[in-house]
Amino acid sequence: MNGLALTFYQKLIQLSVKDQVNFKRIVNKLLRVNYLTSQKQSDANDYFFITTNYELLKTFFMLMDCELILDLKFSVIALYNKQDTNYLNLRLNETIILLILRVYYEEKVKATTKVTISIAEVYEKLASTGLKERRINKTELQKILSLFSHYNLIEVINKSQFTEKTQIILYPSLLYVVNYEDINKIYDQLYTYQKSGDNHETIKKD
């Protein structure tokens, strides 16, 4: 491990001062948000910095017992803790909304590379899966979507005007948080929540 650390340091100091500053900033950002995608305009430069310096960043996170994944197919960067000690506790309503977003991504990505849905569609899916009784009001939904936005899973357009017409961009990073290969399994999971109380679920934060 000492040899790996030395190799990392030798390569790090070969970066320009500007790139070293960017390196530190992006490391802190990944530790905070866990996911990046080039599809998010404000993160595109960081995504390309990571792809350019992937081996160096990968080595750094290996020293922290983390795994940095670069998915060129979906343009996603994902950071995982190999010890499985860092989880994000989700309330049941948060889990339900997350699964609904994942379903919509799966259903719509075949037709377009930029997947968007409306707030109205979220409520439509709640109704169609028998979960309308969860009574997730707009204030709660706004908080839930803000949480997922923090981790770069989605982006809410015009957040200040939160109506049924408000658009949500769904990012491919959703594939890494809800990694069911069969969409029917996601629906099965949703149906199990029809009579559930307000329990908590856990997902990997990194």
Foldseek 3Di string as FASTA:
>chain_A
DVVLVVVLVVVLVVDDPVLNVLLVVLVVLCVQQFKDFCVPVVCVVVLVSCVVCVVSSQSVVVVVQKGWDQDPVQRMIGIARNVLPAKDKAKPVLVLLLLLLVLQCVVPCVPDSWGKDFLLVSCVVCVVLLNNVVPQDQVNVLVSVVVCVSNVQKDWPPSVDRDRGTMITGGPCSCVFDVDPDSVVSSVVSNVCNPDDGHMDITGSD
